[in-house]
Amino acid sequence: MGSTTSELPSQRTPLTAAAETGLKIVVVGGFGVGKTTLVRSVSEIRPLNTEEVMTQAGAGIDETAGVERKTTTTVAFDFGRISLNDRMVLYLFGAPGQERFWFLWDRLFAGTLGAVVLVDTRRMEDCWYAIDRLEHHGTPFVVAVNRFDGDEKRFSLDEVRQALALGEHVPMIECDARVRASGKEVLIALVDHLYTRALAKESTA
């Protein structure tokens, strides 16, 4: 089965009987930005992942500048689940980051309520394609700046917003994808953003 894993019956947390609303969320961003880590840290079930060991065949294809120590890569998608409350459940899909797998993104976006764009300020240009595709699909999103250890140029959120040419309507938040509480704050920010948009549409209908 390679490196693909999924939760066993004894390892998954059952949904509550009151759960009635499932929301699909996609986590996108550049290669090595922390998408798999974020899904893994917040998921209440053992996440499904499709990580494979990077080989010499990817040399010259996968851009590893800034993430030279990375040894695995997602080749399809990650999947996790988190219950926001008794009735609302988020289904999380982490998209692959390498350019050669971008053709999967449009299908992952189908039925998506919203998205999280993870940003590594050492490689900010890597998230431009993700933002472009989300805007093309009209998918609302928030931007989460994943703070890495040893990042000497600690850009502020305002500087990141300016570099990515994002309007004030796009929420931005700092996070540490390794920390569950931090990852949950990102998801809460997205849900709040979606709720605010829904109210605005309702008031103008």
C-alpha atoms as a PDB file:
ATOM      1  CA  MET A   1       0.000   0.000   0.000  1.00  0.00           C
ATOM      2  CA  GLY A   2       3.018   2.266  -0.066  1.00  0.00           C
ATOM      3  CA  SER A   3       2.792   5.268   2.228  1.00  0.00           C
ATOM      4  CA  THR A   4      -0.968   5.712   1.948  1.00  0.00           C
ATOM      5  CA  THR A   5      -2.682   5.406   5.315  1.00  0.00           C
ATOM      6  CA  SER A   6      -6.267   5.529   6.501  1.00  0.00           C
ATOM      7  CA  GLU A   7      -7.949   5.281   9.849  1.00  0.00           C
ATOM      8  CA  LEU A   8      -8.865   1.876  11.265  1.00  0.00           C
ATOM      9  CA  PRO A   9     -12.247   1.382  13.004  1.00  0.00           C
ATOM     10  CA  SER A  10     -10.549   1.375  16.391  1.00  0.00           C
ATOM     11  CA  GLN A  11      -8.710   4.598  15.626  1.00  0.00           C
ATOM     12  CA  ARG A  12     -11.450   6.867  14.321  1.00  0.00           C
ATOM     13  CA  THR A  13     -13.723   9.153  16.279  1.00  0.00           C
ATOM     14  CA  PRO A  14     -17.377   8.490  15.378  1.00  0.00           C
ATOM     15  CA  LEU A  15     -19.592  11.380  14.371  1.00  0.00           C
ATOM     16  CA  THR A  16     -22.197  12.454  16.868  1.00  0.00           C
ATOM     17  CA  ALA A  17     -25.789  11.466  16.166  1.00  0.00           C
ATOM     18  CA  ALA A  18     -26.660  15.164  15.840  1.00  0.00           C
ATOM     19  CA  ALA A  19     -24.201  15.827  12.991  1.00  0.00           C
ATOM     20  CA  GLU A  20     -26.169  17.058   9.990  1.00  0.00           C
ATOM     21  CA  THR A  21     -23.972  19.475   8.047  1.00  0.00           C
ATOM     22  CA  GLY A  22     -20.743  18.490   6.304  1.00  0.00           C
ATOM     23  CA  LEU A  23     -18.564  21.280   4.897  1.00  0.00           C
ATOM     24  CA  LYS A  24     -15.772  20.623   2.415  1.00  0.00           C
ATOM     25  CA  ILE A  25     -12.620  22.700   2.920  1.00  0.00           C
ATOM     26  CA  VAL A  26      -9.478  22.577   0.782  1.00  0.00           C
ATOM     27  CA  VAL A  27      -5.987  23.478   2.029  1.00  0.00           C
ATOM     28  CA  VAL A  28      -3.754  24.707  -0.789  1.00  0.00           C
ATOM     29  CA  GLY A  29      -0.351  26.304  -1.179  1.00  0.00           C
ATOM     30  CA  GLY A  30       3.125  25.690  -2.459  1.00  0.00           C
ATOM     31  CA  PHE A  31       5.326  22.651  -2.121  1.00  0.00           C
ATOM     32  CA  GLY A  32       6.495  22.020   1.448  1.00  0.00           C
ATOM     33  CA  VAL A  33       4.396  24.814   2.977  1.00  0.00           C
ATOM     34  CA  GLY A  34       2.778  22.560   5.606  1.00  0.00           C
ATOM     35  CA  LYS A  35      -0.542  21.412   4.126  1.00  0.00           C
ATOM     36  CA  THR A  36      -0.144  17.777   5.184  1.00  0.00           C
ATOM     37  CA  THR A  37       1.048  18.900   8.617  1.00  0.00           C
ATOM     38  CA  LEU A  38      -1.991  21.161   9.087  1.00  0.00           C
ATOM     39  CA  VAL A  39      -4.480  18.443   8.126  1.00  0.00           C
ATOM     40  CA  ARG A  40      -2.699  15.941  10.367  1.00  0.00           C
ATOM     41  CA  SER A  41      -2.573  18.285  13.358  1.00  0.00           C
ATOM     42  CA  VAL A  42      -6.257  19.257  13.388  1.00  0.00           C
ATOM     43  CA  SER A  43      -7.922  16.037  12.216  1.00  0.00           C
ATOM     44  CA  GLU A  44      -9.896  14.172  14.876  1.00  0.00           C
ATOM     45  CA  ILE A  45      -9.447  10.947  12.911  1.00  0.00           C
ATOM     46  CA  ARG A  46      -6.247   9.379  11.704  1.00  0.00           C
ATOM     47  CA  PRO A  47      -5.842  11.277   8.416  1.00  0.00           C
ATOM     48  CA  LEU A  48      -5.595   9.616   5.066  1.00  0.00           C
ATOM     49  CA  ASN A  49      -2.488  10.740   3.246  1.00  0.00           C
ATOM     50  CA  THR A  50      -0.731   9.889   0.010  1.00  0.00           C
ATOM     51  CA  GLU A  51       2.826  10.829   0.862  1.00  0.00           C
ATOM     52  CA  GLU A  52       5.602   9.145  -1.066  1.00  0.00           C
ATOM     53  CA  VAL A  53       9.348   9.296  -0.606  1.00  0.00           C
ATOM     54  CA  MET A  54      10.999  11.762  -2.942  1.00  0.00           C
ATOM     55  CA  THR A  55      13.464  10.148  -5.339  1.00  0.00           C
ATOM     56  CA  GLN A  56      16.131  11.241  -7.764  1.00  0.00           C
ATOM     57  CA  ALA A  57      13.516  11.105 -10.531  1.00  0.00           C
ATOM     58  CA  GLY A  58      12.078  14.343  -9.166  1.00  0.00           C
ATOM     59  CA  ALA A  59      15.384  16.198  -9.337  1.00  0.00           C
ATOM     60  CA  GLY A  60      15.046  19.258 -11.538  1.00  0.00           C
ATOM     61  CA  ILE A  61      11.245  18.933 -11.519  1.00  0.00           C
ATOM     62  CA  ASP A  62      10.288  19.553  -7.896  1.00  0.00           C
ATOM     63  CA  GLU A  63      11.578  22.918  -6.691  1.00  0.00           C
ATOM     64  CA  THR A  64      13.087  22.242  -3.262  1.00  0.00           C
ATOM     65  CA  ALA A  65      14.873  25.543  -2.619  1.00  0.00           C
ATOM     66  CA  GLY A  66      14.183  26.484   0.985  1.00  0.00           C
ATOM     67  CA  VAL A  67      12.849  23.018   1.879  1.00  0.00           C
ATOM     68  CA  GLU A  68      15.930  20.947   1.144  1.00  0.00           C
ATOM     69  CA  ARG A  69      15.333  18.674   4.135  1.00  0.00           C
ATOM     70  CA  LYS A  70      11.908  17.572   2.884  1.00  0.00           C
ATOM     71  CA  THR A  71      11.991  13.859   2.014  1.00  0.00           C
ATOM     72  CA  THR A  72       8.345  13.073   1.209  1.00  0.00           C
ATOM     73  CA  THR A  73       5.706  14.598  -1.018  1.00  0.00           C
ATOM     74  CA  THR A  74       1.924  14.354  -1.410  1.00  0.00           C
ATOM     75  CA  VAL A  75       1.009  12.766  -4.746  1.00  0.00           C
ATOM     76  CA  ALA A  76      -2.822  12.936  -4.559  1.00  0.00           C
ATOM     77  CA  PHE A  77      -4.372  14.587  -1.497  1.00  0.00           C
ATOM     78  CA  ASP A  78      -4.653  14.453   2.283  1.00  0.00           C
ATOM     79  CA  PHE A  79      -7.979  13.947   4.017  1.00  0.00           C
ATOM     80  CA  GLY A  80      -9.029  14.660   7.586  1.00  0.00           C
ATOM     81  CA  ARG A  81     -12.108  15.569   9.599  1.00  0.00           C
ATOM     82  CA  ILE A  82     -12.880  17.899  12.464  1.00  0.00           C
ATOM     83  CA  SER A  83     -16.188  18.545  14.244  1.00  0.00           C
ATOM     84  CA  LEU A  84     -16.827  22.241  14.872  1.00  0.00           C
ATOM     85  CA  ASN A  85     -19.841  21.476  17.046  1.00  0.00           C
ATOM     86  CA  ASP A  86     -22.468  18.755  17.461  1.00  0.00           C
ATOM     87  CA  ARG A  87     -24.028  19.528  14.088  1.00  0.00           C
ATOM     88  CA  MET A  88     -21.274  20.905  11.866  1.00  0.00           C
ATOM     89  CA  VAL A  89     -18.348  18.874  10.538  1.00  0.00           C
ATOM     90  CA  LEU A  90     -15.469  20.017   8.346  1.00  0.00           C
ATOM     91  CA  TYR A  91     -14.002  17.602   5.807  1.00  0.00           C
ATOM     92  CA  LEU A  92     -10.450  18.710   5.047  1.00  0.00           C
ATOM     93  CA  PHE A  93      -8.658  18.044   1.778  1.00  0.00           C
ATOM     94  CA  GLY A  94      -4.990  18.950   1.469  1.00  0.00           C
ATOM     95  CA  ALA A  95      -3.967  19.544  -2.154  1.00  0.00           C
ATOM     96  CA  PRO A  96      -0.582  18.447  -3.539  1.00  0.00           C
ATOM     97  CA  GLY A  97       1.866  21.305  -3.854  1.00  0.00           C
ATOM     98  CA  GLN A  98       4.094  20.386  -6.792  1.00  0.00           C
ATOM     99  CA  GLU A  99       3.329  21.900 -10.171  1.00  0.00           C
ATOM    100  CA  ARG A 100       3.116  18.467 -11.839  1.00  0.00           C
ATOM    101  CA  PHE A 101       0.064  17.635  -9.692  1.00  0.00           C
ATOM    102  CA  TRP A 102      -1.780  20.941 -10.111  1.00  0.00           C
ATOM    103  CA  PHE A 103      -4.146  19.337 -12.627  1.00  0.00           C
ATOM    104  CA  LEU A 104      -5.851  17.691  -9.617  1.00  0.00           C
ATOM    105  CA  TRP A 105      -6.747  21.015  -8.017  1.00  0.00           C
ATOM    106  CA  ASP A 106      -9.786  21.909 -10.118  1.00  0.00           C
ATOM    107  CA  ARG A 107     -11.420  18.598  -9.211  1.00  0.00           C
ATOM    108  CA  LEU A 108     -10.605  19.060  -5.542  1.00  0.00           C
ATOM    109  CA  PHE A 109     -12.272  22.477  -5.662  1.00  0.00           C
ATOM    110  CA  ALA A 110     -15.575  20.958  -6.837  1.00  0.00           C
ATOM    111  CA  GLY A 111     -18.143  21.314  -4.062  1.00  0.00           C
ATOM    112  CA  THR A 112     -15.719  23.241  -1.867  1.00  0.00           C
ATOM    113  CA  LEU A 113     -17.259  25.794   0.461  1.00  0.00           C
ATOM    114  CA  GLY A 114     -13.998  27.606   1.151  1.00  0.00           C
ATOM    115  CA  ALA A 115     -10.238  27.234   1.238  1.00  0.00           C
ATOM    116  CA  VAL A 116      -7.147  27.929   3.290  1.00  0.00           C
ATOM    117  CA  VAL A 117      -4.083  29.200   1.431  1.00  0.00           C
ATOM    118  CA  LEU A 118      -0.955  28.371   3.419  1.00  0.00           C
ATOM    119  CA  VAL A 119       1.972  30.708   2.856  1.00  0.00           C
ATOM    120  CA  ASP A 120       5.670  30.265   3.562  1.00  0.00           C
ATOM    121  CA  THR A 121       7.153  33.783   3.512  1.00  0.00           C
ATOM    122  CA  ARG A 122      10.476  32.329   2.329  1.00  0.00           C
ATOM    123  CA  ARG A 123       8.694  31.189  -0.866  1.00  0.00           C
ATOM    124  CA  MET A 124       5.711  33.504  -1.222  1.00  0.00           C
ATOM    125  CA  GLU A 125       5.584  33.198  -5.000  1.00  0.00           C
ATOM    126  CA  ASP A 126       4.629  29.522  -4.597  1.00  0.00           C
ATOM    127  CA  CYS A 127       1.099  30.425  -3.470  1.00  0.00           C
ATOM    128  CA  TRP A 128       0.236  32.712  -6.395  1.00  0.00           C
ATOM    129  CA  TYR A 129      -1.148  29.870  -8.497  1.00  0.00           C
ATOM    130  CA  ALA A 130      -3.380  28.722  -5.628  1.00  0.00           C
ATOM    131  CA  ILE A 131      -4.817  32.212  -5.190  1.00  0.00           C
ATOM    132  CA  ASP A 132      -5.325  32.552  -8.941  1.00  0.00           C
ATOM    133  CA  ARG A 133      -7.262  29.260  -9.170  1.00  0.00           C
ATOM    134  CA  LEU A 134      -9.436  30.068  -6.156  1.00  0.00           C
ATOM    135  CA  GLU A 135     -10.309  33.476  -7.553  1.00  0.00           C
ATOM    136  CA  HIS A 136     -11.046  31.849 -10.924  1.00  0.00           C
ATOM    137  CA  HIS A 137     -13.489  29.455  -9.265  1.00  0.00           C
ATOM    138  CA  GLY A 138     -14.960  32.195  -7.078  1.00  0.00           C
ATOM    139  CA  THR A 139     -14.044  30.207  -3.967  1.00  0.00           C
ATOM    140  CA  PRO A 140     -13.718  32.304  -0.785  1.00  0.00           C
ATOM    141  CA  PHE A 141     -10.505  31.789   1.133  1.00  0.00           C
ATOM    142  CA  VAL A 142      -8.351  32.937   4.008  1.00  0.00           C
ATOM    143  CA  VAL A 143      -4.578  33.216   3.979  1.00  0.00           C
ATOM    144  CA  ALA A 144      -2.623  31.566   6.806  1.00  0.00           C
ATOM    145  CA  VAL A 145       1.051  32.472   7.156  1.00  0.00           C
ATOM    146  CA  ASN A 146       2.826  29.391   8.472  1.00  0.00           C
ATOM    147  CA  ARG A 147       5.683  30.582  10.657  1.00  0.00           C
ATOM    148  CA  PHE A 148       8.740  28.357  10.272  1.00  0.00           C
ATOM    149  CA  ASP A 149      11.614  28.077  12.726  1.00  0.00           C
ATOM    150  CA  GLY A 150      14.688  29.936  11.533  1.00  0.00           C
ATOM    151  CA  ASP A 151      12.791  32.322   9.255  1.00  0.00           C
ATOM    152  CA  GLU A 152      15.061  35.353   9.510  1.00  0.00           C
ATOM    153  CA  LYS A 153      12.863  37.655   7.387  1.00  0.00           C
ATOM    154  CA  ARG A 154       9.712  37.726   9.459  1.00  0.00           C
ATOM    155  CA  PHE A 155       7.335  39.613   7.173  1.00  0.00           C
ATOM    156  CA  SER A 156       4.317  41.177   8.839  1.00  0.00           C
ATOM    157  CA  LEU A 157       0.815  40.274   7.694  1.00  0.00           C
ATOM    158  CA  ASP A 158       0.511  43.694   6.052  1.00  0.00           C
ATOM    159  CA  GLU A 159       3.715  43.050   4.102  1.00  0.00           C
ATOM    160  CA  VAL A 160       2.451  39.628   3.019  1.00  0.00           C
ATOM    161  CA  ARG A 161      -0.874  41.154   1.936  1.00  0.00           C
ATOM    162  CA  GLN A 162       0.954  43.765  -0.127  1.00  0.00           C
ATOM    163  CA  ALA A 163       3.301  41.199  -1.692  1.00  0.00           C
ATOM    164  CA  LEU A 164       0.348  39.008  -2.713  1.00  0.00           C
ATOM    165  CA  ALA A 165      -1.751  42.007  -3.853  1.00  0.00           C
ATOM    166  CA  LEU A 166      -4.699  40.890  -1.716  1.00  0.00           C
ATOM    167  CA  GLY A 167      -7.581  43.156  -0.807  1.00  0.00           C
ATOM    168  CA  GLU A 168      -8.673  43.864   2.738  1.00  0.00           C
ATOM    169  CA  HIS A 169     -11.654  41.562   2.261  1.00  0.00           C
ATOM    170  CA  VAL A 170      -9.355  38.516   2.423  1.00  0.00           C
ATOM    171  CA  PRO A 171      -8.716  37.515   6.061  1.00  0.00           C
ATOM    172  CA  MET A 172      -5.118  36.801   7.061  1.00  0.00           C
ATOM    173  CA  ILE A 173      -3.848  34.973  10.110  1.00  0.00           C
ATOM    174  CA  GLU A 174      -0.546  33.662  11.444  1.00  0.00           C
ATOM    175  CA  CYS A 175      -0.260  30.006  12.391  1.00  0.00           C
ATOM    176  CA  ASP A 176       1.997  27.120  13.288  1.00  0.00           C
ATOM    177  CA  ALA A 177       0.700  24.173  11.241  1.00  0.00           C
ATOM    178  CA  ARG A 178       2.249  21.735  13.734  1.00  0.00           C
ATOM    179  CA  VAL A 179       0.063  22.935  16.600  1.00  0.00           C
ATOM    180  CA  ARG A 180      -3.532  21.732  16.751  1.00  0.00           C
ATOM    181  CA  ALA A 181      -4.874  24.822  18.523  1.00  0.00           C
ATOM    182  CA  SER A 182      -3.224  27.086  15.951  1.00  0.00           C
ATOM    183  CA  GLY A 183      -4.629  25.074  13.056  1.00  0.00           C
ATOM    184  CA  LYS A 184      -8.101  25.218  14.564  1.00  0.00           C
ATOM    185  CA  GLU A 185      -7.858  29.020  14.755  1.00  0.00           C
ATOM    186  CA  VAL A 186      -7.223  29.056  11.004  1.00  0.00           C
ATOM    187  CA  LEU A 187     -10.329  26.960  10.355  1.00  0.00           C
ATOM    188  CA  ILE A 188     -12.402  29.128  12.681  1.00  0.00           C
ATOM    189  CA  ALA A 189     -11.216  32.213  10.772  1.00  0.00           C
ATOM    190  CA  LEU A 190     -12.380  30.602   7.532  1.00  0.00           C
ATOM    191  CA  VAL A 191     -15.774  29.602   8.933  1.00  0.00           C
ATOM    192  CA  ASP A 192     -16.254  33.141  10.308  1.00  0.00           C
ATOM    193  CA  HIS A 193     -15.366  34.538   6.880  1.00  0.00           C
ATOM    194  CA  LEU A 194     -17.871  32.250   5.157  1.00  0.00           C
ATOM    195  CA  TYR A 195     -20.560  33.160   7.683  1.00  0.00           C
ATOM    196  CA  THR A 196     -19.955  36.890   7.197  1.00  0.00           C
ATOM    197  CA  ARG A 197     -20.196  36.496   3.410  1.00  0.00           C
ATOM    198  CA  ALA A 198     -23.416  34.523   3.735  1.00  0.00           C
ATOM    199  CA  LEU A 199     -24.962  37.230   5.922  1.00  0.00           C
ATOM    200  CA  ALA A 200     -23.897  39.929   3.467  1.00  0.00           C
ATOM    201  CA  LYS A 201     -25.517  38.062   0.571  1.00  0.00           C
ATOM    202  CA  GLU A 202     -28.675  37.521   2.581  1.00  0.00           C
ATOM    203  CA  SER A 203     -28.959  41.200   3.438  1.00  0.00           C
ATOM    204  CA  THR A 204     -28.661  42.247  -0.227  1.00  0.00           C
ATOM    205  CA  ALA A 205     -31.009  39.570  -1.593  1.00  0.00           C
END
